[in-house]
Amino acid sequence: MHTRFGPVALLCAALGAALGGGLATAAGGAAPPPAHPPCAARATTIAGRNAIVYCGPASVVIDIGGRTYRFRHGLCDRSATLGALELNAGTLVAGAPGNLGRSFVSIVIAQSPSWSEAFEADAGGQQLFGESAIVTGGTLLGRGTFTGVLGASFSGSWDCHGVIYHGP
């Protein structure tokens, strides 16, 4: 299965997360969702453009061109329909050049045999890479590593820190 989560879909997913849904922990399998999520992604406007500000404990580290970039305040969202984990960290400003200087990364870790993808990474006012296929190592629900195989040459790791939202 190959699915593209565009900015509009990301905004809708974040709004859905903000309006409700359960969380589960990855340590030792699914646990009952807590009464209240630790935070909710927030839709806003930045410089006249729609934006979503993600929050949560998830993090991503990307190594590209001899530099290391760290992304924090991420949301891990496991899609029941796709059987994949989507991780978004930072702030996405829809359609803005250089993401208006905001840091943002979006990756999807899929169950085999589907392809995992890194959709976008922005830091320091520049796009580090656009949509790329990645090879992953680690667990779907938790943490692991990835390497770009189509497109830009990069590698990295992700960690949900035990908090995973279970979306549609």
C-alpha atoms as a PDB file:
ATOM      1  CA  MET A   1       0.000   0.000   0.000  1.00  0.00           C
ATOM      2  CA  HIS A   2       1.360   3.410  -0.905  1.00  0.00           C
ATOM      3  CA  THR A   3      -0.353   6.459   0.570  1.00  0.00           C
ATOM      4  CA  ARG A   4       0.670  10.126   0.520  1.00  0.00           C
ATOM      5  CA  PHE A   5      -0.234  12.267   3.515  1.00  0.00           C
ATOM      6  CA  GLY A   6      -0.286  15.833   2.109  1.00  0.00           C
ATOM      7  CA  PRO A   7      -0.472  19.034   4.190  1.00  0.00           C
ATOM      8  CA  VAL A   8      -4.280  19.065   4.105  1.00  0.00           C
ATOM      9  CA  ALA A   9      -4.448  15.444   5.278  1.00  0.00           C
ATOM     10  CA  LEU A  10      -1.905  16.223   8.006  1.00  0.00           C
ATOM     11  CA  LEU A  11      -4.009  19.162   9.174  1.00  0.00           C
ATOM     12  CA  CYS A  12      -7.143  16.991   9.214  1.00  0.00           C
ATOM     13  CA  ALA A  13      -5.360  14.208  11.102  1.00  0.00           C
ATOM     14  CA  ALA A  14      -4.026  16.666  13.648  1.00  0.00           C
ATOM     15  CA  LEU A  15      -7.444  18.224  14.111  1.00  0.00           C
ATOM     16  CA  GLY A  16      -8.900  14.762  14.627  1.00  0.00           C
ATOM     17  CA  ALA A  17      -6.254  14.083  17.247  1.00  0.00           C
ATOM     18  CA  ALA A  18      -7.007  17.412  18.901  1.00  0.00           C
ATOM     19  CA  LEU A  19     -10.728  16.656  19.052  1.00  0.00           C
ATOM     20  CA  GLY A  20     -10.489  13.197  20.544  1.00  0.00           C
ATOM     21  CA  GLY A  21      -9.084   9.734  20.294  1.00  0.00           C
ATOM     22  CA  GLY A  22      -7.129   7.477  22.554  1.00  0.00           C
ATOM     23  CA  LEU A  23      -3.492   7.014  23.304  1.00  0.00           C
ATOM     24  CA  ALA A  24      -1.719   3.795  24.089  1.00  0.00           C
ATOM     25  CA  THR A  25       1.737   2.887  25.227  1.00  0.00           C
ATOM     26  CA  ALA A  26       4.136   0.837  23.178  1.00  0.00           C
ATOM     27  CA  ALA A  27       5.911  -0.725  26.131  1.00  0.00           C
ATOM     28  CA  GLY A  28       4.764  -4.336  26.191  1.00  0.00           C
ATOM     29  CA  GLY A  29       1.806  -3.859  23.826  1.00  0.00           C
ATOM     30  CA  ALA A  30      -1.347  -1.803  23.903  1.00  0.00           C
ATOM     31  CA  ALA A  31      -2.610  -0.447  27.204  1.00  0.00           C
ATOM     32  CA  PRO A  32      -5.944   1.114  27.995  1.00  0.00           C
ATOM     33  CA  PRO A  33      -5.995   4.713  26.771  1.00  0.00           C
ATOM     34  CA  PRO A  34      -5.517   7.313  29.509  1.00  0.00           C
ATOM     35  CA  ALA A  35      -8.487   9.524  30.388  1.00  0.00           C
ATOM     36  CA  HIS A  36      -6.840  12.560  28.775  1.00  0.00           C
ATOM     37  CA  PRO A  37      -4.128  12.773  26.115  1.00  0.00           C
ATOM     38  CA  PRO A  38      -0.951  14.552  27.281  1.00  0.00           C
ATOM     39  CA  CYS A  39      -1.431  17.197  24.575  1.00  0.00           C
ATOM     40  CA  ALA A  40      -3.220  17.864  21.314  1.00  0.00           C
ATOM     41  CA  ALA A  41      -1.853  19.174  18.025  1.00  0.00           C
ATOM     42  CA  ARG A  42      -3.044  22.726  17.429  1.00  0.00           C
ATOM     43  CA  ALA A  43      -4.280  24.291  14.187  1.00  0.00           C
ATOM     44  CA  THR A  44      -3.273  27.940  13.817  1.00  0.00           C
ATOM     45  CA  THR A  45      -2.337  30.602  11.269  1.00  0.00           C
ATOM     46  CA  ILE A  46       1.251  31.794  10.782  1.00  0.00           C
ATOM     47  CA  ALA A  47       1.944  34.725   8.447  1.00  0.00           C
ATOM     48  CA  GLY A  48      -1.499  34.229   6.882  1.00  0.00           C
ATOM     49  CA  ARG A  49      -0.952  30.519   6.158  1.00  0.00           C
ATOM     50  CA  ASN A  50      -2.635  27.499   7.751  1.00  0.00           C
ATOM     51  CA  ALA A  51      -0.324  25.688  10.131  1.00  0.00           C
ATOM     52  CA  ILE A  52      -0.359  22.825  12.579  1.00  0.00           C
ATOM     53  CA  VAL A  53       1.779  22.787  15.701  1.00  0.00           C
ATOM     54  CA  TYR A  54       2.477  19.242  16.857  1.00  0.00           C
ATOM     55  CA  CYS A  55       3.206  18.326  20.447  1.00  0.00           C
ATOM     56  CA  GLY A  56       4.081  15.234  22.393  1.00  0.00           C
ATOM     57  CA  PRO A  57       7.138  13.298  23.439  1.00  0.00           C
ATOM     58  CA  ALA A  58       8.122  11.800  20.062  1.00  0.00           C
ATOM     59  CA  SER A  59      11.439  12.778  18.515  1.00  0.00           C
ATOM     60  CA  VAL A  60      13.329  12.273  15.255  1.00  0.00           C
ATOM     61  CA  VAL A  61      17.049  12.657  14.529  1.00  0.00           C
ATOM     62  CA  ILE A  62      18.211  13.040  10.909  1.00  0.00           C
ATOM     63  CA  ASP A  63      21.797  12.877   9.646  1.00  0.00           C
ATOM     64  CA  ILE A  64      22.237  14.455   6.209  1.00  0.00           C
ATOM     65  CA  GLY A  65      25.228  16.019   4.511  1.00  0.00           C
ATOM     66  CA  GLY A  66      27.439  15.631   7.588  1.00  0.00           C
ATOM     67  CA  ARG A  67      24.986  17.482   9.859  1.00  0.00           C
ATOM     68  CA  THR A  68      22.617  16.228  12.523  1.00  0.00           C
ATOM     69  CA  TYR A  69      19.131  17.700  12.928  1.00  0.00           C
ATOM     70  CA  ARG A  70      16.948  17.017  15.961  1.00  0.00           C
ATOM     71  CA  PHE A  71      13.172  17.330  15.879  1.00  0.00           C
ATOM     72  CA  ARG A  72      11.091  17.281  19.068  1.00  0.00           C
ATOM     73  CA  HIS A  73       7.491  17.757  20.119  1.00  0.00           C
ATOM     74  CA  GLY A  74       6.221  14.930  17.934  1.00  0.00           C
ATOM     75  CA  LEU A  75       3.022  12.956  17.675  1.00  0.00           C
ATOM     76  CA  CYS A  76       3.061   9.243  16.832  1.00  0.00           C
ATOM     77  CA  ASP A  77      -0.226   8.229  15.212  1.00  0.00           C
ATOM     78  CA  ARG A  78      -0.936   4.591  14.406  1.00  0.00           C
ATOM     79  CA  SER A  79      -3.469   4.260  11.616  1.00  0.00           C
ATOM     80  CA  ALA A  80      -5.738   1.276  12.038  1.00  0.00           C
ATOM     81  CA  THR A  81      -6.677   1.365   8.346  1.00  0.00           C
ATOM     82  CA  LEU A  82      -3.122   1.655   6.976  1.00  0.00           C
ATOM     83  CA  GLY A  83      -1.280  -0.508   9.496  1.00  0.00           C
ATOM     84  CA  ALA A  84       1.396   2.169   9.691  1.00  0.00           C
ATOM     85  CA  LEU A  85       2.804   4.635  12.157  1.00  0.00           C
ATOM     86  CA  GLU A  86       2.850   8.295  11.130  1.00  0.00           C
ATOM     87  CA  LEU A  87       5.175  10.558  13.079  1.00  0.00           C
ATOM     88  CA  ASN A  88       4.998  14.340  12.732  1.00  0.00           C
ATOM     89  CA  ALA A  89       7.224  16.626  14.793  1.00  0.00           C
ATOM     90  CA  GLY A  90       7.504  20.402  14.913  1.00  0.00           C
ATOM     91  CA  THR A  91       5.358  22.901  13.026  1.00  0.00           C
ATOM     92  CA  LEU A  92       4.050  22.505   9.474  1.00  0.00           C
ATOM     93  CA  VAL A  93       3.186  25.729   7.645  1.00  0.00           C
ATOM     94  CA  ALA A  94       1.164  24.690   4.590  1.00  0.00           C
ATOM     95  CA  GLY A  95       2.700  25.724   1.259  1.00  0.00           C
ATOM     96  CA  ALA A  96       5.281  28.063   2.794  1.00  0.00           C
ATOM     97  CA  PRO A  97       8.763  28.334   1.276  1.00  0.00           C
ATOM     98  CA  GLY A  98      11.293  26.959   3.753  1.00  0.00           C
ATOM     99  CA  ASN A  99       8.344  26.213   6.055  1.00  0.00           C
ATOM    100  CA  LEU A 100       8.745  29.859   7.213  1.00  0.00           C
ATOM    101  CA  GLY A 101      11.845  28.852   9.185  1.00  0.00           C
ATOM    102  CA  ARG A 102       9.940  26.383  11.375  1.00  0.00           C
ATOM    103  CA  SER A 103      11.370  22.926  12.025  1.00  0.00           C
ATOM    104  CA  PHE A 104       9.191  20.049  10.841  1.00  0.00           C
ATOM    105  CA  VAL A 105       9.535  16.384   9.881  1.00  0.00           C
ATOM    106  CA  SER A 106       6.972  13.828   8.703  1.00  0.00           C
ATOM    107  CA  ILE A 107       7.664  10.099   8.322  1.00  0.00           C
ATOM    108  CA  VAL A 108       5.485   7.012   7.902  1.00  0.00           C
ATOM    109  CA  ILE A 109       6.756   3.670   9.170  1.00  0.00           C
ATOM    110  CA  ALA A 110       4.760   0.944   7.420  1.00  0.00           C
ATOM    111  CA  GLN A 111       4.459  -2.755   8.097  1.00  0.00           C
ATOM    112  CA  SER A 112       6.227  -4.911   5.547  1.00  0.00           C
ATOM    113  CA  PRO A 113       5.746  -5.399   2.607  1.00  0.00           C
ATOM    114  CA  SER A 114       4.640  -1.744   2.266  1.00  0.00           C
ATOM    115  CA  TRP A 115       7.178   1.023   1.721  1.00  0.00           C
ATOM    116  CA  SER A 116       7.967   3.394   4.526  1.00  0.00           C
ATOM    117  CA  GLU A 117       8.343   7.025   3.548  1.00  0.00           C
ATOM    118  CA  ALA A 118       9.854  10.275   4.719  1.00  0.00           C
ATOM    119  CA  PHE A 119       7.632  12.998   3.324  1.00  0.00           C
ATOM    120  CA  GLU A 120       9.405  16.163   4.328  1.00  0.00           C
ATOM    121  CA  ALA A 121      12.005  17.596   6.668  1.00  0.00           C
ATOM    122  CA  ASP A 122      12.552  21.314   7.149  1.00  0.00           C
ATOM    123  CA  ALA A 123      15.104  23.068   9.363  1.00  0.00           C
ATOM    124  CA  GLY A 124      16.698  26.499   9.421  1.00  0.00           C
ATOM    125  CA  GLY A 125      14.442  27.860   6.694  1.00  0.00           C
ATOM    126  CA  GLN A 126      15.316  25.204   4.136  1.00  0.00           C
ATOM    127  CA  GLN A 127      13.833  21.897   3.086  1.00  0.00           C
ATOM    128  CA  LEU A 128      16.282  19.102   3.921  1.00  0.00           C
ATOM    129  CA  PHE A 129      14.467  16.632   1.670  1.00  0.00           C
ATOM    130  CA  GLY A 130      11.112  16.029   0.045  1.00  0.00           C
ATOM    131  CA  GLU A 131       9.240  12.769  -0.383  1.00  0.00           C
ATOM    132  CA  SER A 132      11.640   9.809  -0.202  1.00  0.00           C
ATOM    133  CA  ALA A 133      11.332   6.069   0.275  1.00  0.00           C
ATOM    134  CA  ILE A 134      13.067   4.796   3.408  1.00  0.00           C
ATOM    135  CA  VAL A 135      14.197   1.434   4.747  1.00  0.00           C
ATOM    136  CA  THR A 136      13.493   0.994   8.446  1.00  0.00           C
ATOM    137  CA  GLY A 137      14.801  -1.060  11.318  1.00  0.00           C
ATOM    138  CA  GLY A 138      13.143  -1.373  14.714  1.00  0.00           C
ATOM    139  CA  THR A 139       9.589  -1.866  15.852  1.00  0.00           C
ATOM    140  CA  LEU A 140       6.508  -0.344  14.279  1.00  0.00           C
ATOM    141  CA  LEU A 141       5.315   0.763  17.697  1.00  0.00           C
ATOM    142  CA  GLY A 142       8.218   2.314  19.468  1.00  0.00           C
ATOM    143  CA  ARG A 143      11.501   3.349  17.988  1.00  0.00           C
ATOM    144  CA  GLY A 144      13.933   2.486  15.276  1.00  0.00           C
ATOM    145  CA  THR A 145      16.195   3.685  12.509  1.00  0.00           C
ATOM    146  CA  PHE A 146      15.763   4.591   8.858  1.00  0.00           C
ATOM    147  CA  THR A 147      17.841   5.234   5.747  1.00  0.00           C
ATOM    148  CA  GLY A 148      16.776   7.051   2.586  1.00  0.00           C
ATOM    149  CA  VAL A 149      16.874   4.780  -0.476  1.00  0.00           C
ATOM    150  CA  LEU A 150      15.283   6.970  -3.165  1.00  0.00           C
ATOM    151  CA  GLY A 151      15.963  10.677  -3.356  1.00  0.00           C
ATOM    152  CA  ALA A 152      18.279  12.458  -0.911  1.00  0.00           C
ATOM    153  CA  SER A 153      20.924  10.486   0.979  1.00  0.00           C
ATOM    154  CA  PHE A 154      20.124  10.590   4.702  1.00  0.00           C
ATOM    155  CA  SER A 155      19.683   8.404   7.752  1.00  0.00           C
ATOM    156  CA  GLY A 156      18.131   8.819  11.136  1.00  0.00           C
ATOM    157  CA  SER A 157      16.120   7.446  14.011  1.00  0.00           C
ATOM    158  CA  TRP A 158      12.732   7.927  15.633  1.00  0.00           C
ATOM    159  CA  ASP A 159      11.396   7.375  19.140  1.00  0.00           C
ATOM    160  CA  CYS A 160       7.751   7.617  20.221  1.00  0.00           C
ATOM    161  CA  HIS A 161       8.835   7.456  23.888  1.00  0.00           C
ATOM    162  CA  GLY A 162       5.998   5.037  24.617  1.00  0.00           C
ATOM    163  CA  VAL A 163       3.095   7.332  23.615  1.00  0.00           C
ATOM    164  CA  ILE A 164       1.139   6.435  20.477  1.00  0.00           C
ATOM    165  CA  TYR A 165      -2.187   7.924  19.419  1.00  0.00           C
ATOM    166  CA  HIS A 166      -4.487   5.397  17.764  1.00  0.00           C
ATOM    167  CA  GLY A 167      -6.217   7.208  14.889  1.00  0.00           C
ATOM    168  CA  PRO A 168      -8.603   5.978  12.225  1.00  0.00           C
END
